[in-house]
Amino acid sequence: FGRSIDPQTNTYFNTTSFHNNYGVSAGYDLFDGFKAVNNLKISK
């Protein structure tokens, strides 16, 4: 409610807007100082 940025013109204007966002992310540690490897050994 109030001032916001128009994504089409990238300028400010005063109006009521509705925004809805969706996202999916994935991450993997390629090297973490062998922490995961040692944690597996410790757990065993």
All heavy atoms as atom14 arrays in JSON, in Angstrom:
{
  "sequence": "FGRSIDPQTNTYFNTTSFHNNYGVSAGYDLFDGFKAVNNLKISK",
  "atom14_mask": [
    [1, 1, 1, 1, 1, 1, 1, 1, 1, 1, 1, 0, 0, 0],
    [1, 1, 1, 1, 0, 0, 0, 0, 0, 0, 0, 0, 0, 0],
    [1, 1, 1, 1, 1, 1, 1, 1, 1, 1, 1, 0, 0, 0],
    [1, 1, 1, 1, 1, 1, 0, 0, 0, 0, 0, 0, 0, 0],
    [1, 1, 1, 1, 1, 1, 1, 1, 0, 0, 0, 0, 0, 0],
    [1, 1, 1, 1, 1, 1, 1, 1, 0, 0, 0, 0, 0, 0],
    [1, 1, 1, 1, 1, 1, 1, 0, 0, 0, 0, 0, 0, 0],
    [1, 1, 1, 1, 1, 1, 1, 1, 1, 0, 0, 0, 0, 0],
    [1, 1, 1, 1, 1, 1, 1, 0, 0, 0, 0, 0, 0, 0],
    [1, 1, 1, 1, 1, 1, 1, 1, 0, 0, 0, 0, 0, 0],
    [1, 1, 1, 1, 1, 1, 1, 0, 0, 0, 0, 0, 0, 0],
    [1, 1, 1, 1, 1, 1, 1, 1, 1, 1, 1, 1, 0, 0],
    [1, 1, 1, 1, 1, 1, 1, 1, 1, 1, 1, 0, 0, 0],
    [1, 1, 1, 1, 1, 1, 1, 1, 0, 0, 0, 0, 0, 0],
    [1, 1, 1, 1, 1, 1, 1, 0, 0, 0, 0, 0, 0, 0],
    [1, 1, 1, 1, 1, 1, 1, 0, 0, 0, 0, 0, 0, 0],
    [1, 1, 1, 1, 1, 1, 0, 0, 0, 0, 0, 0, 0, 0],
    [1, 1, 1, 1, 1, 1, 1, 1, 1, 1, 1, 0, 0, 0],
    [1, 1, 1, 1, 1, 1, 1, 1, 1, 1, 0, 0, 0, 0],
    [1, 1, 1, 1, 1, 1, 1, 1, 0, 0, 0, 0, 0, 0],
    [1, 1, 1, 1, 1, 1, 1, 1, 0, 0, 0, 0, 0, 0],
    [1, 1, 1, 1, 1, 1, 1, 1, 1, 1, 1, 1, 0, 0],
    [1, 1, 1, 1, 0, 0, 0, 0, 0, 0, 0, 0, 0, 0],
    [1, 1, 1, 1, 1, 1, 1, 0, 0, 0, 0, 0, 0, 0],
    [1, 1, 1, 1, 1, 1, 0, 0, 0, 0, 0, 0, 0, 0],
    [1, 1, 1, 1, 1, 0, 0, 0, 0, 0, 0, 0, 0, 0],
    [1, 1, 1, 1, 0, 0, 0, 0, 0, 0, 0, 0, 0, 0],
    [1, 1, 1, 1, 1, 1, 1, 1, 1, 1, 1, 1, 0, 0],
    [1, 1, 1, 1, 1, 1, 1, 1, 0, 0, 0, 0, 0, 0],
    [1, 1, 1, 1, 1, 1, 1, 1, 0, 0, 0, 0, 0, 0],
    [1, 1, 1, 1, 1, 1, 1, 1, 1, 1, 1, 0, 0, 0],
    [1, 1, 1, 1, 1, 1, 1, 1, 0, 0, 0, 0, 0, 0],
    [1, 1, 1, 1, 0, 0, 0, 0, 0, 0, 0, 0, 0, 0],
    [1, 1, 1, 1, 1, 1, 1, 1, 1, 1, 1, 0, 0, 0],
    [1, 1, 1, 1, 1, 1, 1, 1, 1, 0, 0, 0, 0, 0],
    [1, 1, 1, 1, 1, 0, 0, 0, 0, 0, 0, 0, 0, 0],
    [1, 1, 1, 1, 1, 1, 1, 0, 0, 0, 0, 0, 0, 0],
    [1, 1, 1, 1, 1, 1, 1, 1, 0, 0, 0, 0, 0, 0],
    [1, 1, 1, 1, 1, 1, 1, 1, 0, 0, 0, 0, 0, 0],
    [1, 1, 1, 1, 1, 1, 1, 1, 0, 0, 0, 0, 0, 0],
    [1, 1, 1, 1, 1, 1, 1, 1, 1, 0, 0, 0, 0, 0],
    [1, 1, 1, 1, 1, 1, 1, 1, 0, 0, 0, 0, 0, 0],
    [1, 1, 1, 1, 1, 1, 0, 0, 0, 0, 0, 0, 0, 0],
    [1, 1, 1, 1, 1, 1, 1, 1, 1, 0, 0, 0, 0, 0]
  ],
  "atom14_positions": [
    [[0.85, -1.18, 0.0], [0.0, 0.0, 0.0], [0.9, 1.24, 0.0], [1.77, 1.38, 0.87], [-0.92, 0.03, 1.23], [-1.77, -1.2, 1.35], [-1.35, -2.27, 2.12], [-2.99, -1.28, 0.68], [-2.13, -3.4, 2.24], [-3.76, -2.41, 0.81], [-3.34, -3.47, 1.58], [0.0, 0.0, 0.0], [0.0, 0.0, 0.0], [0.0, 0.0, 0.0]],
    [[0.68, 2.16, -0.97], [1.48, 3.38, -1.02], [2.5, 3.34, -2.13], [2.29, 2.77, -3.21], [0.0, 0.0, 0.0], [0.0, 0.0, 0.0], [0.0, 0.0, 0.0], [0.0, 0.0, 0.0], [0.0, 0.0, 0.0], [0.0, 0.0, 0.0], [0.0, 0.0, 0.0], [0.0, 0.0, 0.0], [0.0, 0.0, 0.0], [0.0, 0.0, 0.0]],
    [[3.64, 3.91, -1.86], [4.66, 4.08, -2.88], [5.34, 2.75, -3.18], [5.71, 2.01, -2.28], [5.7, 5.08, -2.4], [6.61, 5.59, -3.51], [7.55, 6.63, -2.95], [8.31, 7.27, -4.02], [9.34, 8.07, -3.85], [9.73, 8.34, -2.59], [9.97, 8.62, -4.87], [0.0, 0.0, 0.0], [0.0, 0.0, 0.0], [0.0, 0.0, 0.0]],
    [[5.55, 2.47, -4.48], [6.23, 1.25, -4.91], [6.89, 1.49, -6.25], [6.74, 2.56, -6.84], [5.25, 0.08, -5.0], [4.25, 0.35, -5.96], [0.0, 0.0, 0.0], [0.0, 0.0, 0.0], [0.0, 0.0, 0.0], [0.0, 0.0, 0.0], [0.0, 0.0, 0.0], [0.0, 0.0, 0.0], [0.0, 0.0, 0.0], [0.0, 0.0, 0.0]],
    [[7.64, 0.49, -6.72], [8.37, 0.6, -7.99], [7.62, -0.16, -9.06], [7.29, -1.35, -8.87], [9.8, 0.08, -7.84], [10.57, 0.9, -6.81], [10.54, 0.09, -9.18], [11.97, 0.39, -6.55], [0.0, 0.0, 0.0], [0.0, 0.0, 0.0], [0.0, 0.0, 0.0], [0.0, 0.0, 0.0], [0.0, 0.0, 0.0], [0.0, 0.0, 0.0]],
    [[7.39, 0.5, -10.18], [6.78, -0.16, -11.33], [7.84, -1.0, -12.02], [8.84, -0.47, -12.51], [6.21, 0.89, -12.29], [5.42, 0.25, -13.42], [5.54, -0.98, -13.61], [4.68, 0.99, -14.11], [0.0, 0.0, 0.0], [0.0, 0.0, 0.0], [0.0, 0.0, 0.0], [0.0, 0.0, 0.0], [0.0, 0.0, 0.0], [0.0, 0.0, 0.0]],
    [[7.67, -2.34, -12.06], [8.7, -3.17, -12.68], [8.85, -2.95, -14.19], [9.86, -3.33, -14.78], [8.23, -4.59, -12.35], [6.78, -4.46, -12.12], [6.55, -3.11, -11.54], [0.0, 0.0, 0.0], [0.0, 0.0, 0.0], [0.0, 0.0, 0.0], [0.0, 0.0, 0.0], [0.0, 0.0, 0.0], [0.0, 0.0, 0.0], [0.0, 0.0, 0.0]],
    [[7.86, -2.34, -14.82], [7.95, -2.11, -16.26], [8.76, -0.86, -16.59], [9.55, -0.83, -17.54], [6.54, -2.01, -16.86], [5.74, -3.3, -16.74], [4.34, -3.15, -17.33], [3.89, -2.03, -17.62], [3.64, -4.26, -17.5], [0.0, 0.0, 0.0], [0.0, 0.0, 0.0], [0.0, 0.0, 0.0], [0.0, 0.0, 0.0], [0.0, 0.0, 0.0]],
    [[8.55, 0.23, -15.77], [9.24, 1.49, -16.04], [10.35, 1.77, -15.04], [11.15, 2.69, -15.23], [8.23, 2.65, -16.01], [7.68, 2.73, -14.67], [7.12, 2.43, -17.02], [0.0, 0.0, 0.0], [0.0, 0.0, 0.0], [0.0, 0.0, 0.0], [0.0, 0.0, 0.0], [0.0, 0.0, 0.0], [0.0, 0.0, 0.0], [0.0, 0.0, 0.0]],
    [[10.39, 0.99, -13.93], [11.39, 1.15, -12.88], [11.33, 2.55, -12.26], [12.34, 3.14, -11.89], [12.8, 0.88, -13.42], [13.77, 0.51, -12.29], [13.36, -0.06, -11.28], [15.04, 0.86, -12.47], [0.0, 0.0, 0.0], [0.0, 0.0, 0.0], [0.0, 0.0, 0.0], [0.0, 0.0, 0.0], [0.0, 0.0, 0.0], [0.0, 0.0, 0.0]],
    [[10.11, 3.08, -12.14], [9.9, 4.37, -11.52], [8.93, 4.23, -10.36], [8.13, 3.28, -10.3], [9.32, 5.38, -12.53], [8.06, 4.88, -13.02], [10.29, 5.61, -13.69], [0.0, 0.0, 0.0], [0.0, 0.0, 0.0], [0.0, 0.0, 0.0], [0.0, 0.0, 0.0], [0.0, 0.0, 0.0], [0.0, 0.0, 0.0], [0.0, 0.0, 0.0]],
    [[8.99, 5.18, -9.43], [8.11, 5.14, -8.27], [6.73, 5.69, -8.64], [6.61, 6.64, -9.43], [8.69, 5.98, -7.12], [9.87, 5.35, -6.44], [11.17, 5.74, -6.76], [9.68, 4.38, -5.45], [12.26, 5.17, -6.15], [10.78, 3.8, -4.83], [12.06, 4.19, -5.17], [13.13, 3.62, -4.56], [0.0, 0.0, 0.0], [0.0, 0.0, 0.0]],
    [[5.72, 5.08, -8.02], [4.36, 5.58, -8.16], [3.56, 5.1, -6.96], [3.94, 4.16, -6.28], [3.74, 5.12, -9.48], [3.44, 3.65, -9.53], [2.14, 3.17, -9.42], [4.47, 2.72, -9.7], [1.88, 1.82, -9.48], [4.21, 1.37, -9.73], [2.9, 0.91, -9.63], [0.0, 0.0, 0.0], [0.0, 0.0, 0.0], [0.0, 0.0, 0.0]],
    [[2.46, 5.79, -6.73], [1.62, 5.49, -5.57], [0.38, 4.73, -6.01], [-0.47, 5.26, -6.75], [1.19, 6.78, -4.86], [2.36, 7.49, -4.21], [3.26, 6.85, -3.7], [2.36, 8.82, -4.26], [0.0, 0.0, 0.0], [0.0, 0.0, 0.0], [0.0, 0.0, 0.0], [0.0, 0.0, 0.0], [0.0, 0.0, 0.0], [0.0, 0.0, 0.0]],
    [[0.29, 3.46, -5.56], [-0.88, 2.63, -5.85], [-0.8, 1.38, -5.0], [0.22, 1.08, -4.36], [-0.94, 2.24, -7.34], [-2.18, 1.56, -7.59], [0.23, 1.3, -7.69], [0.0, 0.0, 0.0], [0.0, 0.0, 0.0], [0.0, 0.0, 0.0], [0.0, 0.0, 0.0], [0.0, 0.0, 0.0], [0.0, 0.0, 0.0], [0.0, 0.0, 0.0]],
    [[-1.86, 0.62, -4.97], [-1.88, -0.65, -4.25], [-1.49, -1.76, -5.21], [-2.04, -1.84, -6.33], [-3.28, -0.92, -3.67], [-3.63, 0.14, -2.77], [-3.31, -2.25, -2.94], [0.0, 0.0, 0.0], [0.0, 0.0, 0.0], [0.0, 0.0, 0.0], [0.0, 0.0, 0.0], [0.0, 0.0, 0.0], [0.0, 0.0, 0.0], [0.0, 0.0, 0.0]],
    [[-0.56, -2.6, -4.79], [-0.07, -3.67, -5.66], [-0.06, -5.0, -4.9], [-0.01, -5.05, -3.68], [1.35, -3.36, -6.17], [2.26, -3.24, -5.07], [0.0, 0.0, 0.0], [0.0, 0.0, 0.0], [0.0, 0.0, 0.0], [0.0, 0.0, 0.0], [0.0, 0.0, 0.0], [0.0, 0.0, 0.0], [0.0, 0.0, 0.0], [0.0, 0.0, 0.0]],
    [[-0.1, -6.08, -5.69], [-0.03, -7.44, -5.15], [1.16, -8.15, -5.79], [1.33, -8.11, -7.01], [-1.32, -8.2, -5.46], [-1.24, -9.66, -5.13], [-1.31, -10.1, -3.82], [-1.08, -10.61, -6.14], [-1.23, -11.45, -3.51], [-0.99, -11.96, -5.84], [-1.07, -12.37, -4.52], [0.0, 0.0, 0.0], [0.0, 0.0, 0.0], [0.0, 0.0, 0.0]],
    [[1.99, -8.76, -4.97], [3.18, -9.45, -5.47], [3.14, -10.91, -5.0], [2.83, -11.19, -3.84], [4.45, -8.78, -4.96], [4.62, -7.38, -5.45], [5.41, -7.05, -6.53], [4.09, -6.21, -5.0], [5.37, -5.75, -6.72], [4.56, -5.22, -5.8], [0.0, 0.0, 0.0], [0.0, 0.0, 0.0], [0.0, 0.0, 0.0], [0.0, 0.0, 0.0]],
    [[3.51, -11.8, -5.89], [3.53, -13.24, -5.6], [4.78, -13.82, -6.24], [5.03, -13.64, -7.43], [2.27, -13.9, -6.13], [2.16, -15.37, -5.74], [1.51, -16.13, -6.4], [2.79, -15.78, -4.65], [0.0, 0.0, 0.0], [0.0, 0.0, 0.0], [0.0, 0.0, 0.0], [0.0, 0.0, 0.0], [0.0, 0.0, 0.0], [0.0, 0.0, 0.0]],
    [[5.6, -14.58, -5.44], [6.88, -15.1, -5.93], [6.98, -16.59, -5.63], [6.51, -17.06, -4.59], [8.04, -14.35, -5.27], [9.39, -14.76, -5.84], [9.98, -15.72, -5.39], [9.86, -14.01, -6.82], [0.0, 0.0, 0.0], [0.0, 0.0, 0.0], [0.0, 0.0, 0.0], [0.0, 0.0, 0.0], [0.0, 0.0, 0.0], [0.0, 0.0, 0.0]],
    [[7.63, -17.34, -6.52], [7.88, -18.78, -6.36], [9.34, -19.06, -6.68], [9.9, -18.47, -7.62], [6.99, -19.62, -7.3], [5.52, -19.39, -7.1], [4.86, -18.38, -7.82], [4.8, -20.16, -6.2], [3.51, -18.17, -7.64], [3.43, -19.95, -6.01], [2.8, -18.94, -6.73], [1.45, -18.72, -6.54], [0.0, 0.0, 0.0], [0.0, 0.0, 0.0]],
    [[9.97, -19.96, -5.92], [11.36, -20.27, -6.18], [11.77, -21.64, -5.65], [11.19, -22.14, -4.69], [0.0, 0.0, 0.0], [0.0, 0.0, 0.0], [0.0, 0.0, 0.0], [0.0, 0.0, 0.0], [0.0, 0.0, 0.0], [0.0, 0.0, 0.0], [0.0, 0.0, 0.0], [0.0, 0.0, 0.0], [0.0, 0.0, 0.0], [0.0, 0.0, 0.0]],
    [[12.76, -22.23, -6.31], [13.35, -23.5, -5.88], [14.86, -23.33, -5.96], [15.38, -22.82, -6.96], [12.9, -24.69, -6.76], [13.61, -25.97, -6.33], [11.4, -24.86, -6.7], [0.0, 0.0, 0.0], [0.0, 0.0, 0.0], [0.0, 0.0, 0.0], [0.0, 0.0, 0.0], [0.0, 0.0, 0.0], [0.0, 0.0, 0.0], [0.0, 0.0, 0.0]],
    [[15.58, -23.77, -4.91], [17.04, -23.64, -4.9], [17.67, -24.92, -4.38], [17.06, -25.66, -3.6], [17.48, -22.45, -4.02], [17.08, -22.65, -2.67], [0.0, 0.0, 0.0], [0.0, 0.0, 0.0], [0.0, 0.0, 0.0], [0.0, 0.0, 0.0], [0.0, 0.0, 0.0], [0.0, 0.0, 0.0], [0.0, 0.0, 0.0], [0.0, 0.0, 0.0]],
    [[18.88, -25.19, -4.8], [19.64, -26.36, -4.35], [21.09, -25.95, -4.16], [21.61, -25.1, -4.9], [19.54, -27.5, -5.36], [0.0, 0.0, 0.0], [0.0, 0.0, 0.0], [0.0, 0.0, 0.0], [0.0, 0.0, 0.0], [0.0, 0.0, 0.0], [0.0, 0.0, 0.0], [0.0, 0.0, 0.0], [0.0, 0.0, 0.0], [0.0, 0.0, 0.0]],
    [[21.72, -26.53, -3.17], [23.11, -26.21, -2.9], [23.89, -27.42, -2.42], [23.33, -28.3, -1.75], [0.0, 0.0, 0.0], [0.0, 0.0, 0.0], [0.0, 0.0, 0.0], [0.0, 0.0, 0.0], [0.0, 0.0, 0.0], [0.0, 0.0, 0.0], [0.0, 0.0, 0.0], [0.0, 0.0, 0.0], [0.0, 0.0, 0.0], [0.0, 0.0, 0.0]],
    [[25.16, -27.48, -2.76], [26.0, -28.6, -2.36], [27.4, -28.07, -2.08], [27.96, -27.31, -2.88], [26.06, -29.66, -3.46], [26.83, -30.9, -3.06], [26.25, -31.86, -2.25], [28.13, -31.1, -3.5], [26.94, -33.01, -1.88], [28.84, -32.24, -3.13], [28.23, -33.18, -2.31], [28.93, -34.29, -1.94], [0.0, 0.0, 0.0], [0.0, 0.0, 0.0]],
    [[27.95, -28.47, -0.92], [29.3, -28.05, -0.54], [30.31, -28.97, -1.21], [30.41, -30.16, -0.88], [29.47, -28.1, 0.97], [28.59, -27.1, 1.7], [28.34, -26.03, 1.12], [28.13, -27.39, 2.82], [0.0, 0.0, 0.0], [0.0, 0.0, 0.0], [0.0, 0.0, 0.0], [0.0, 0.0, 0.0], [0.0, 0.0, 0.0], [0.0, 0.0, 0.0]],
    [[31.05, -28.41, -2.16], [32.06, -29.2, -2.86], [33.26, -29.48, -1.95], [33.87, -30.55, -2.02], [32.52, -28.46, -4.12], [31.44, -28.23, -5.19], [32.03, -27.46, -6.36], [30.84, -29.55, -5.66], [0.0, 0.0, 0.0], [0.0, 0.0, 0.0], [0.0, 0.0, 0.0], [0.0, 0.0, 0.0], [0.0, 0.0, 0.0], [0.0, 0.0, 0.0]],
    [[33.6, -28.51, -1.1], [34.7, -28.71, -0.16], [34.38, -27.92, 1.1], [34.2, -26.7, 1.06], [36.04, -28.23, -0.76], [37.2, -28.4, 0.17], [37.77, -29.66, 0.38], [37.72, -27.32, 0.87], [38.84, -29.82, 1.25], [38.8, -27.47, 1.74], [39.35, -28.73, 1.92], [0.0, 0.0, 0.0], [0.0, 0.0, 0.0], [0.0, 0.0, 0.0]],
    [[34.31, -28.63, 2.22], [34.02, -27.97, 3.5], [35.05, -28.36, 4.56], [34.74, -28.45, 5.73], [32.62, -28.34, 3.99], [32.45, -29.84, 4.21], [33.37, -30.61, 3.85], [31.42, -30.25, 4.76], [0.0, 0.0, 0.0], [0.0, 0.0, 0.0], [0.0, 0.0, 0.0], [0.0, 0.0, 0.0], [0.0, 0.0, 0.0], [0.0, 0.0, 0.0]],
    [[36.28, -28.59, 4.1], [37.31, -29.0, 5.05], [37.12, -30.41, 5.56], [37.48, -30.72, 6.7], [0.0, 0.0, 0.0], [0.0, 0.0, 0.0], [0.0, 0.0, 0.0], [0.0, 0.0, 0.0], [0.0, 0.0, 0.0], [0.0, 0.0, 0.0], [0.0, 0.0, 0.0], [0.0, 0.0, 0.0], [0.0, 0.0, 0.0], [0.0, 0.0, 0.0]],
    [[36.55, -31.28, 4.72], [36.29, -32.69, 5.06], [35.39, -32.83, 6.3], [35.39, -33.86, 6.97], [37.6, -33.46, 5.29], [38.53, -33.44, 4.12], [39.68, -32.67, 4.14], [38.24, -34.17, 2.98], [40.54, -32.64, 3.05], [39.09, -34.15, 1.89], [40.24, -33.39, 1.92], [0.0, 0.0, 0.0], [0.0, 0.0, 0.0], [0.0, 0.0, 0.0]],
    [[34.6, -31.79, 6.57], [33.72, -31.83, 7.74], [32.66, -32.91, 7.58], [32.41, -33.7, 8.5], [33.07, -30.47, 7.94], [32.16, -30.4, 9.15], [31.59, -28.99, 9.31], [30.69, -28.92, 10.53], [30.13, -27.54, 10.71], [0.0, 0.0, 0.0], [0.0, 0.0, 0.0], [0.0, 0.0, 0.0], [0.0, 0.0, 0.0], [0.0, 0.0, 0.0]],
    [[32.02, -32.98, 6.41], [30.97, -33.97, 6.2], [31.53, -35.39, 6.22], [30.9, -36.31, 6.75], [30.25, -33.7, 4.88], [0.0, 0.0, 0.0], [0.0, 0.0, 0.0], [0.0, 0.0, 0.0], [0.0, 0.0, 0.0], [0.0, 0.0, 0.0], [0.0, 0.0, 0.0], [0.0, 0.0, 0.0], [0.0, 0.0, 0.0], [0.0, 0.0, 0.0]],
    [[32.72, -35.57, 5.62], [33.34, -36.9, 5.6], [33.66, -37.37, 7.02], [33.34, -38.5, 7.42], [34.62, -36.89, 4.74], [35.33, -38.23, 4.81], [34.26, -36.56, 3.3], [0.0, 0.0, 0.0], [0.0, 0.0, 0.0], [0.0, 0.0, 0.0], [0.0, 0.0, 0.0], [0.0, 0.0, 0.0], [0.0, 0.0, 0.0], [0.0, 0.0, 0.0]],
    [[34.28, -36.49, 7.8], [34.62, -36.86, 9.18], [33.38, -37.04, 10.05], [33.37, -37.9, 10.93], [35.53, -35.79, 9.79], [36.95, -35.86, 9.26], [37.39, -36.91, 8.77], [37.68, -34.76, 9.32], [0.0, 0.0, 0.0], [0.0, 0.0, 0.0], [0.0, 0.0, 0.0], [0.0, 0.0, 0.0], [0.0, 0.0, 0.0], [0.0, 0.0, 0.0]],
    [[32.35, -36.24, 9.8], [31.12, -36.41, 10.56], [30.5, -37.78, 10.3], [29.93, -38.4, 11.21], [30.11, -35.31, 10.22], [30.46, -33.99, 10.88], [31.28, -33.94, 11.8], [29.86, -32.92, 10.42], [0.0, 0.0, 0.0], [0.0, 0.0, 0.0], [0.0, 0.0, 0.0], [0.0, 0.0, 0.0], [0.0, 0.0, 0.0], [0.0, 0.0, 0.0]],
    [[30.6, -38.26, 9.07], [30.08, -39.6, 8.77], [30.89, -40.67, 9.5], [30.33, -41.61, 10.07], [30.12, -39.85, 7.26], [29.62, -41.24, 6.8], [28.17, -41.46, 7.23], [29.76, -41.39, 5.29], [0.0, 0.0, 0.0], [0.0, 0.0, 0.0], [0.0, 0.0, 0.0], [0.0, 0.0, 0.0], [0.0, 0.0, 0.0], [0.0, 0.0, 0.0]],
    [[32.22, -40.52, 9.49], [33.05, -41.47, 10.22], [32.76, -41.42, 11.72], [32.67, -42.45, 12.39], [34.53, -41.18, 9.96], [34.98, -41.39, 8.52], [36.44, -41.05, 8.35], [36.9, -41.27, 6.92], [38.33, -40.91, 6.73], [0.0, 0.0, 0.0], [0.0, 0.0, 0.0], [0.0, 0.0, 0.0], [0.0, 0.0, 0.0], [0.0, 0.0, 0.0]],
    [[32.6, -40.19, 12.25], [32.32, -40.04, 13.68], [30.97, -40.67, 14.03], [30.83, -41.32, 15.06], [32.34, -38.54, 14.05], [33.77, -38.01, 14.0], [31.74, -38.32, 15.44], [33.88, -36.5, 14.16], [0.0, 0.0, 0.0], [0.0, 0.0, 0.0], [0.0, 0.0, 0.0], [0.0, 0.0, 0.0], [0.0, 0.0, 0.0], [0.0, 0.0, 0.0]],
    [[29.98, -40.5, 13.16], [28.66, -41.06, 13.44], [28.68, -42.59, 13.4], [27.99, -43.25, 14.19], [27.64, -40.53, 12.43], [27.94, -40.98, 11.12], [0.0, 0.0, 0.0], [0.0, 0.0, 0.0], [0.0, 0.0, 0.0], [0.0, 0.0, 0.0], [0.0, 0.0, 0.0], [0.0, 0.0, 0.0], [0.0, 0.0, 0.0], [0.0, 0.0, 0.0]],
    [[29.48, -43.16, 12.48], [29.59, -44.62, 12.45], [30.25, -45.15, 13.72], [29.81, -46.15, 14.3], [30.4, -45.05, 11.22], [29.67, -44.86, 9.89], [30.53, -45.33, 8.73], [29.78, -45.19, 7.41], [30.59, -45.63, 6.25], [0.0, 0.0, 0.0], [0.0, 0.0, 0.0], [0.0, 0.0, 0.0], [0.0, 0.0, 0.0], [0.0, 0.0, 0.0]]
  ]
}
